[in-house]
Amino acid sequence: MSDLSFEQAMQQLEKIVVQLEQGELPLEQALEQFEQAVKLSRLSQQKLQQAEQKVSQLLQQQGQENLTPFQPSAEDEA
């Protein structure tokens, strides 16, 4: 699973979410899918953190300021 790209992991995660939302899976399968979704979510988070670290390193090498956390505006949250 760790060889998946971020995009592939997100696609698989989206498919699992759709299946779980439909509510038609037997309990055993739903639990297995949920477990898979948690693994995919963790993998995606790791890949995002790695990308953020790389961007931060590149900015530091260029003498630019550090990244600032994204702050959504009130319009973005609506």
PDB file of N, CA and C in Angstrom:
ATOM      1  N   MET A   1       0.825  -1.195   0.000  1.00  0.00           N
ATOM      2  CA  MET A   1       0.000   0.000   0.000  1.00  0.00           C
ATOM      3  C   MET A   1       0.867   1.255   0.000  1.00  0.00           C
ATOM      4  N   SER A   2       2.040   1.210   0.622  1.00  0.00           N
ATOM      5  CA  SER A   2       2.876   2.401   0.725  1.00  0.00           C
ATOM      6  C   SER A   2       3.426   2.853  -0.631  1.00  0.00           C
ATOM      7  N   ASP A   3       3.310   1.994  -1.640  1.00  0.00           N
ATOM      8  CA  ASP A   3       3.786   2.368  -2.963  1.00  0.00           C
ATOM      9  C   ASP A   3       2.738   3.149  -3.761  1.00  0.00           C
ATOM     10  N   LEU A   4       1.576   3.382  -3.176  1.00  0.00           N
ATOM     11  CA  LEU A   4       0.530   4.164  -3.833  1.00  0.00           C
ATOM     12  C   LEU A   4       0.914   5.635  -3.835  1.00  0.00           C
ATOM     13  N   SER A   5       0.538   6.328  -4.892  1.00  0.00           N
ATOM     14  CA  SER A   5       0.719   7.777  -4.904  1.00  0.00           C
ATOM     15  C   SER A   5      -0.391   8.400  -4.054  1.00  0.00           C
ATOM     16  N   PHE A   6      -0.218   9.666  -3.740  1.00  0.00           N
ATOM     17  CA  PHE A   6      -1.242  10.379  -2.981  1.00  0.00           C
ATOM     18  C   PHE A   6      -2.579  10.320  -3.714  1.00  0.00           C
ATOM     19  N   GLU A   7      -2.528  10.561  -5.016  1.00  0.00           N
ATOM     20  CA  GLU A   7      -3.755  10.576  -5.814  1.00  0.00           C
ATOM     21  C   GLU A   7      -4.438   9.214  -5.831  1.00  0.00           C
ATOM     22  N   GLN A   8      -3.650   8.142  -5.952  1.00  0.00           N
ATOM     23  CA  GLN A   8      -4.218   6.795  -5.959  1.00  0.00           C
ATOM     24  C   GLN A   8      -4.864   6.483  -4.618  1.00  0.00           C
ATOM     25  N   ALA A   9      -4.192   6.855  -3.540  1.00  0.00           N
ATOM     26  CA  ALA A   9      -4.740   6.610  -2.204  1.00  0.00           C
ATOM     27  C   ALA A   9      -6.056   7.359  -2.021  1.00  0.00           C
ATOM     28  N   MET A  10      -6.102   8.604  -2.494  1.00  0.00           N
ATOM     29  CA  MET A  10      -7.328   9.386  -2.363  1.00  0.00           C
ATOM     30  C   MET A  10      -8.465   8.798  -3.191  1.00  0.00           C
ATOM     31  N   GLN A  11      -8.157   8.292  -4.386  1.00  0.00           N
ATOM     32  CA  GLN A  11      -9.191   7.668  -5.219  1.00  0.00           C
ATOM     33  C   GLN A  11      -9.769   6.443  -4.523  1.00  0.00           C
ATOM     34  N   GLN A  12      -8.893   5.615  -3.973  1.00  0.00           N
ATOM     35  CA  GLN A  12      -9.368   4.425  -3.271  1.00  0.00           C
ATOM     36  C   GLN A  12     -10.188   4.809  -2.043  1.00  0.00           C
ATOM     37  N   LEU A  13      -9.733   5.822  -1.338  1.00  0.00           N
ATOM     38  CA  LEU A  13     -10.452   6.286  -0.158  1.00  0.00           C
ATOM     39  C   LEU A  13     -11.847   6.790  -0.535  1.00  0.00           C
ATOM     40  N   GLU A  14     -11.940   7.524  -1.618  1.00  0.00           N
ATOM     41  CA  GLU A  14     -13.243   8.021  -2.075  1.00  0.00           C
ATOM     42  C   GLU A  14     -14.189   6.877  -2.430  1.00  0.00           C
ATOM     43  N   LYS A  15     -13.666   5.832  -3.074  1.00  0.00           N
ATOM     44  CA  LYS A  15     -14.499   4.679  -3.426  1.00  0.00           C
ATOM     45  C   LYS A  15     -15.031   3.997  -2.175  1.00  0.00           C
ATOM     46  N   ILE A  16     -14.171   3.863  -1.183  1.00  0.00           N
ATOM     47  CA  ILE A  16     -14.584   3.221   0.071  1.00  0.00           C
ATOM     48  C   ILE A  16     -15.659   4.048   0.764  1.00  0.00           C
ATOM     49  N   VAL A  17     -15.482   5.355   0.776  1.00  0.00           N
ATOM     50  CA  VAL A  17     -16.464   6.229   1.413  1.00  0.00           C
ATOM     51  C   VAL A  17     -17.826   6.073   0.742  1.00  0.00           C
ATOM     52  N   VAL A  18     -17.836   6.027  -0.578  1.00  0.00           N
ATOM     53  CA  VAL A  18     -19.095   5.860  -1.305  1.00  0.00           C
ATOM     54  C   VAL A  18     -19.753   4.535  -0.923  1.00  0.00           C
ATOM     55  N   GLN A  19     -18.970   3.456  -0.879  1.00  0.00           N
ATOM     56  CA  GLN A  19     -19.511   2.148  -0.510  1.00  0.00           C
ATOM     57  C   GLN A  19     -20.084   2.160   0.899  1.00  0.00           C
ATOM     58  N   LEU A  20     -19.359   2.773   1.822  1.00  0.00           N
ATOM     59  CA  LEU A  20     -19.826   2.808   3.209  1.00  0.00           C
ATOM     60  C   LEU A  20     -21.069   3.676   3.358  1.00  0.00           C
ATOM     61  N   GLU A  21     -21.118   4.771   2.615  1.00  0.00           N
ATOM     62  CA  GLU A  21     -22.281   5.658   2.688  1.00  0.00           C
ATOM     63  C   GLU A  21     -23.542   4.990   2.159  1.00  0.00           C
ATOM     64  N   GLN A  22     -23.384   4.085   1.205  1.00  0.00           N
ATOM     65  CA  GLN A  22     -24.545   3.388   0.652  1.00  0.00           C
ATOM     66  C   GLN A  22     -25.167   2.459   1.684  1.00  0.00           C
ATOM     67  N   GLY A  23     -24.370   1.993   2.630  1.00  0.00           N
ATOM     68  CA  GLY A  23     -24.897   1.178   3.712  1.00  0.00           C
ATOM     69  C   GLY A  23     -25.361  -0.211   3.317  1.00  0.00           C
ATOM     70  N   GLU A  24     -24.899  -0.713   2.189  1.00  0.00           N
ATOM     71  CA  GLU A  24     -25.363  -2.006   1.710  1.00  0.00           C
ATOM     72  C   GLU A  24     -24.383  -3.145   2.002  1.00  0.00           C
ATOM     73  N   LEU A  25     -23.211  -2.824   2.542  1.00  0.00           N
ATOM     74  CA  LEU A  25     -22.218  -3.854   2.825  1.00  0.00           C
ATOM     75  C   LEU A  25     -22.558  -4.586   4.116  1.00  0.00           C
ATOM     76  N   PRO A  26     -22.312  -5.893   4.142  1.00  0.00           N
ATOM     77  CA  PRO A  26     -22.453  -6.607   5.406  1.00  0.00           C
ATOM     78  C   PRO A  26     -21.460  -6.042   6.428  1.00  0.00           C
ATOM     79  N   LEU A  27     -21.753  -6.220   7.693  1.00  0.00           N
ATOM     80  CA  LEU A  27     -20.951  -5.638   8.755  1.00  0.00           C
ATOM     81  C   LEU A  27     -19.473  -5.992   8.627  1.00  0.00           C
ATOM     82  N   GLU A  28     -19.167  -7.269   8.376  1.00  0.00           N
ATOM     83  CA  GLU A  28     -17.763  -7.698   8.261  1.00  0.00           C
ATOM     84  C   GLU A  28     -17.041  -6.922   7.159  1.00  0.00           C
ATOM     85  N   GLN A  29     -17.673  -6.813   6.011  1.00  0.00           N
ATOM     86  CA  GLN A  29     -17.054  -6.093   4.890  1.00  0.00           C
ATOM     87  C   GLN A  29     -16.939  -4.606   5.190  1.00  0.00           C
ATOM     88  N   ALA A  30     -17.945  -4.055   5.844  1.00  0.00           N
ATOM     89  CA  ALA A  30     -17.913  -2.635   6.192  1.00  0.00           C
ATOM     90  C   ALA A  30     -16.746  -2.351   7.140  1.00  0.00           C
ATOM     91  N   LEU A  31     -16.521  -3.243   8.093  1.00  0.00           N
ATOM     92  CA  LEU A  31     -15.398  -3.070   9.017  1.00  0.00           C
ATOM     93  C   LEU A  31     -14.061  -3.173   8.288  1.00  0.00           C
ATOM     94  N   GLU A  32     -13.954  -4.113   7.366  1.00  0.00           N
ATOM     95  CA  GLU A  32     -12.726  -4.260   6.579  1.00  0.00           C
ATOM     96  C   GLU A  32     -12.477  -3.011   5.734  1.00  0.00           C
ATOM     97  N   GLN A  33     -13.524  -2.495   5.122  1.00  0.00           N
ATOM     98  CA  GLN A  33     -13.405  -1.297   4.304  1.00  0.00           C
ATOM     99  C   GLN A  33     -13.026  -0.088   5.165  1.00  0.00           C
ATOM    100  N   PHE A  34     -13.613  -0.014   6.350  1.00  0.00           N
ATOM    101  CA  PHE A  34     -13.285   1.080   7.255  1.00  0.00           C
ATOM    102  C   PHE A  34     -11.814   1.011   7.662  1.00  0.00           C
ATOM    103  N   GLU A  35     -11.339  -0.188   7.967  1.00  0.00           N
ATOM    104  CA  GLU A  35      -9.939  -0.376   8.327  1.00  0.00           C
ATOM    105  C   GLU A  35      -9.028   0.053   7.171  1.00  0.00           C
ATOM    106  N   GLN A  36      -9.392  -0.326   5.965  1.00  0.00           N
ATOM    107  CA  GLN A  36      -8.626   0.068   4.777  1.00  0.00           C
ATOM    108  C   GLN A  36      -8.639   1.583   4.619  1.00  0.00           C
ATOM    109  N   ALA A  37      -9.782   2.199   4.867  1.00  0.00           N
ATOM    110  CA  ALA A  37      -9.901   3.650   4.752  1.00  0.00           C
ATOM    111  C   ALA A  37      -9.000   4.360   5.753  1.00  0.00           C
ATOM    112  N   VAL A  38      -8.914   3.836   6.967  1.00  0.00           N
ATOM    113  CA  VAL A  38      -8.040   4.436   7.975  1.00  0.00           C
ATOM    114  C   VAL A  38      -6.587   4.354   7.516  1.00  0.00           C
ATOM    115  N   LYS A  39      -6.178   3.220   6.966  1.00  0.00           N
ATOM    116  CA  LYS A  39      -4.809   3.059   6.470  1.00  0.00           C
ATOM    117  C   LYS A  39      -4.528   4.029   5.325  1.00  0.00           C
ATOM    118  N   LEU A  40      -5.473   4.155   4.413  1.00  0.00           N
ATOM    119  CA  LEU A  40      -5.310   5.074   3.289  1.00  0.00           C
ATOM    120  C   LEU A  40      -5.246   6.523   3.760  1.00  0.00           C
ATOM    121  N   SER A  41      -6.045   6.843   4.750  1.00  0.00           N
ATOM    122  CA  SER A  41      -6.034   8.191   5.303  1.00  0.00           C
ATOM    123  C   SER A  41      -4.682   8.508   5.934  1.00  0.00           C
ATOM    124  N   ARG A  42      -4.141   7.571   6.690  1.00  0.00           N
ATOM    125  CA  ARG A  42      -2.822   7.765   7.306  1.00  0.00           C
ATOM    126  C   ARG A  42      -1.742   7.907   6.240  1.00  0.00           C
ATOM    127  N   LEU A  43      -1.805   7.080   5.219  1.00  0.00           N
ATOM    128  CA  LEU A  43      -0.834   7.151   4.132  1.00  0.00           C
ATOM    129  C   LEU A  43      -0.906   8.511   3.440  1.00  0.00           C
ATOM    130  N   SER A  44      -2.103   8.976   3.162  1.00  0.00           N
ATOM    131  CA  SER A  44      -2.287  10.271   2.508  1.00  0.00           C
ATOM    132  C   SER A  44      -1.732  11.393   3.380  1.00  0.00           C
ATOM    133  N   GLN A  45      -1.980  11.323   4.670  1.00  0.00           N
ATOM    134  CA  GLN A  45      -1.473  12.340   5.591  1.00  0.00           C
ATOM    135  C   GLN A  45       0.048  12.339   5.606  1.00  0.00           C
ATOM    136  N   GLN A  46       0.655  11.166   5.593  1.00  0.00           N
ATOM    137  CA  GLN A  46       2.119  11.069   5.567  1.00  0.00           C
ATOM    138  C   GLN A  46       2.677  11.697   4.288  1.00  0.00           C
ATOM    139  N   LYS A  47       2.040  11.389   3.166  1.00  0.00           N
ATOM    140  CA  LYS A  47       2.507  11.931   1.891  1.00  0.00           C
ATOM    141  C   LYS A  47       2.393  13.454   1.873  1.00  0.00           C
ATOM    142  N   LEU A  48       1.317  13.995   2.444  1.00  0.00           N
ATOM    143  CA  LEU A  48       1.156  15.442   2.514  1.00  0.00           C
ATOM    144  C   LEU A  48       2.226  16.069   3.407  1.00  0.00           C
ATOM    145  N   GLN A  49       2.516  15.428   4.529  1.00  0.00           N
ATOM    146  CA  GLN A  49       3.550  15.943   5.423  1.00  0.00           C
ATOM    147  C   GLN A  49       4.919  15.921   4.748  1.00  0.00           C
ATOM    148  N   GLN A  50       5.200  14.864   4.009  1.00  0.00           N
ATOM    149  CA  GLN A  50       6.472  14.780   3.294  1.00  0.00           C
ATOM    150  C   GLN A  50       6.583  15.896   2.254  1.00  0.00           C
ATOM    151  N   ALA A  51       5.501  16.138   1.548  1.00  0.00           N
ATOM    152  CA  ALA A  51       5.501  17.202   0.537  1.00  0.00           C
ATOM    153  C   ALA A  51       5.699  18.564   1.199  1.00  0.00           C
ATOM    154  N   GLU A  52       5.038  18.783   2.320  1.00  0.00           N
ATOM    155  CA  GLU A  52       5.178  20.051   3.036  1.00  0.00           C
ATOM    156  C   GLU A  52       6.619  20.248   3.517  1.00  0.00           C
ATOM    157  N   GLN A  53       7.236  19.194   4.019  1.00  0.00           N
ATOM    158  CA  GLN A  53       8.625  19.284   4.470  1.00  0.00           C
ATOM    159  C   GLN A  53       9.549  19.616   3.305  1.00  0.00           C
ATOM    160  N   LYS A  54       9.313  18.997   2.164  1.00  0.00           N
ATOM    161  CA  LYS A  54      10.155  19.240   0.998  1.00  0.00           C
ATOM    162  C   LYS A  54      10.025  20.689   0.531  1.00  0.00           C
ATOM    163  N   VAL A  55       8.795  21.189   0.479  1.00  0.00           N
ATOM    164  CA  VAL A  55       8.567  22.575   0.075  1.00  0.00           C
ATOM    165  C   VAL A  55       9.247  23.521   1.070  1.00  0.00           C
ATOM    166  N   SER A  56       9.115  23.225   2.351  1.00  0.00           N
ATOM    167  CA  SER A  56       9.739  24.051   3.372  1.00  0.00           C
ATOM    168  C   SER A  56      11.256  24.069   3.215  1.00  0.00           C
ATOM    169  N   GLN A  57      11.846  22.907   2.967  1.00  0.00           N
ATOM    170  CA  GLN A  57      13.295  22.824   2.760  1.00  0.00           C
ATOM    171  C   GLN A  57      13.721  23.629   1.533  1.00  0.00           C
ATOM    172  N   LEU A  58      12.966  23.508   0.457  1.00  0.00           N
ATOM    173  CA  LEU A  58      13.288  24.246  -0.756  1.00  0.00           C
ATOM    174  C   LEU A  58      13.203  25.752  -0.534  1.00  0.00           C
ATOM    175  N   LEU A  59      12.195  26.187   0.206  1.00  0.00           N
ATOM    176  CA  LEU A  59      12.064  27.606   0.499  1.00  0.00           C
ATOM    177  C   LEU A  59      13.217  28.091   1.367  1.00  0.00           C
ATOM    178  N   GLN A  60      13.617  27.296   2.326  1.00  0.00           N
ATOM    179  CA  GLN A  60      14.734  27.674   3.191  1.00  0.00           C
ATOM    180  C   GLN A  60      16.032  27.760   2.394  1.00  0.00           C
ATOM    181  N   GLN A  61      16.217  26.844   1.453  1.00  0.00           N
ATOM    182  CA  GLN A  61      17.415  26.873   0.620  1.00  0.00           C
ATOM    183  C   GLN A  61      17.452  28.131  -0.239  1.00  0.00           C
ATOM    184  N   GLN A  62      16.297  28.626  -0.577  1.00  0.00           N
ATOM    185  CA  GLN A  62      16.204  29.835  -1.398  1.00  0.00           C
ATOM    186  C   GLN A  62      16.204  31.102  -0.541  1.00  0.00           C
ATOM    187  N   GLY A  63      16.294  30.929   0.773  1.00  0.00           N
ATOM    188  CA  GLY A  63      16.327  32.073   1.673  1.00  0.00           C
ATOM    189  C   GLY A  63      14.986  32.741   1.858  1.00  0.00           C
ATOM    190  N   GLN A  64      13.931  32.027   1.559  1.00  0.00           N
ATOM    191  CA  GLN A  64      12.598  32.595   1.718  1.00  0.00           C
ATOM    192  C   GLN A  64      12.048  32.227   3.088  1.00  0.00           C
ATOM    193  N   GLU A  65      10.964  32.888   3.437  1.00  0.00           N
ATOM    194  CA  GLU A  65      10.350  32.657   4.735  1.00  0.00           C
ATOM    195  C   GLU A  65       9.724  31.269   4.810  1.00  0.00           C
ATOM    196  N   ASN A  66       9.453  30.842   6.033  1.00  0.00           N
ATOM    197  CA  ASN A  66       8.805  29.557   6.269  1.00  0.00           C
ATOM    198  C   ASN A  66       7.364  29.588   5.791  1.00  0.00           C
ATOM    199  N   LEU A  67       6.805  28.411   5.628  1.00  0.00           N
ATOM    200  CA  LEU A  67       5.394  28.289   5.267  1.00  0.00           C
ATOM    201  C   LEU A  67       4.534  28.735   6.436  1.00  0.00           C
ATOM    202  N   THR A  68       3.422  29.334   6.128  1.00  0.00           N
ATOM    203  CA  THR A  68       2.470  29.688   7.174  1.00  0.00           C
ATOM    204  C   THR A  68       1.248  28.807   7.003  1.00  0.00           C
ATOM    205  N   PRO A  69       0.645  28.365   8.115  1.00  0.00           N
ATOM    206  CA  PRO A  69      -0.540  27.510   8.013  1.00  0.00           C
ATOM    207  C   PRO A  69      -1.673  28.212   7.283  1.00  0.00           C
ATOM    208  N   PHE A  70      -2.418  27.452   6.527  1.00  0.00           N
ATOM    209  CA  PHE A  70      -3.559  27.973   5.780  1.00  0.00           C
ATOM    210  C   PHE A  70      -4.667  28.346   6.754  1.00  0.00           C
ATOM    211  N   GLN A  71      -5.189  29.539   6.615  1.00  0.00           N
ATOM    212  CA  GLN A  71      -6.295  30.015   7.434  1.00  0.00           C
ATOM    213  C   GLN A  71      -7.479  30.299   6.512  1.00  0.00           C
ATOM    214  N   PRO A  72      -8.470  29.397   6.486  1.00  0.00           N
ATOM    215  CA  PRO A  72      -9.609  29.625   5.584  1.00  0.00           C
ATOM    216  C   PRO A  72     -10.390  30.863   6.004  1.00  0.00           C
ATOM    217  N   SER A  73     -10.865  31.587   5.012  1.00  0.00           N
ATOM    218  CA  SER A  73     -11.701  32.750   5.285  1.00  0.00           C
ATOM    219  C   SER A  73     -13.115  32.291   5.586  1.00  0.00           C
ATOM    220  N   ALA A  74     -13.937  33.179   6.052  1.00  0.00           N
ATOM    221  CA  ALA A  74     -15.321  32.839   6.340  1.00  0.00           C
ATOM    222  C   ALA A  74     -16.054  32.387   5.089  1.00  0.00           C
ATOM    223  N   GLU A  75     -15.665  32.937   3.928  1.00  0.00           N
ATOM    224  CA  GLU A  75     -16.294  32.547   2.664  1.00  0.00           C
ATOM    225  C   GLU A  75     -15.945  31.115   2.293  1.00  0.00           C
ATOM    226  N   ASP A  76     -14.693  30.682   2.588  1.00  0.00           N
ATOM    227  CA  ASP A  76     -14.253  29.314   2.266  1.00  0.00           C
ATOM    228  C   ASP A  76     -14.989  28.287   3.091  1.00  0.00           C
ATOM    229  N   GLU A  77     -15.350  28.619   4.311  1.00  0.00           N
ATOM    230  CA  GLU A  77     -16.009  27.678   5.219  1.00  0.00           C
ATOM    231  C   GLU A  77     -17.477  27.528   4.919  1.00  0.00           C
ATOM    232  N   ALA A  78     -18.067  28.448   4.194  1.00  0.00           N
ATOM    233  CA  ALA A  78     -19.513  28.425   3.923  1.00  0.00           C
ATOM    234  C   ALA A  78     -19.846  27.459   2.830  1.00  0.00           C
TER     235      ALA A  78
END
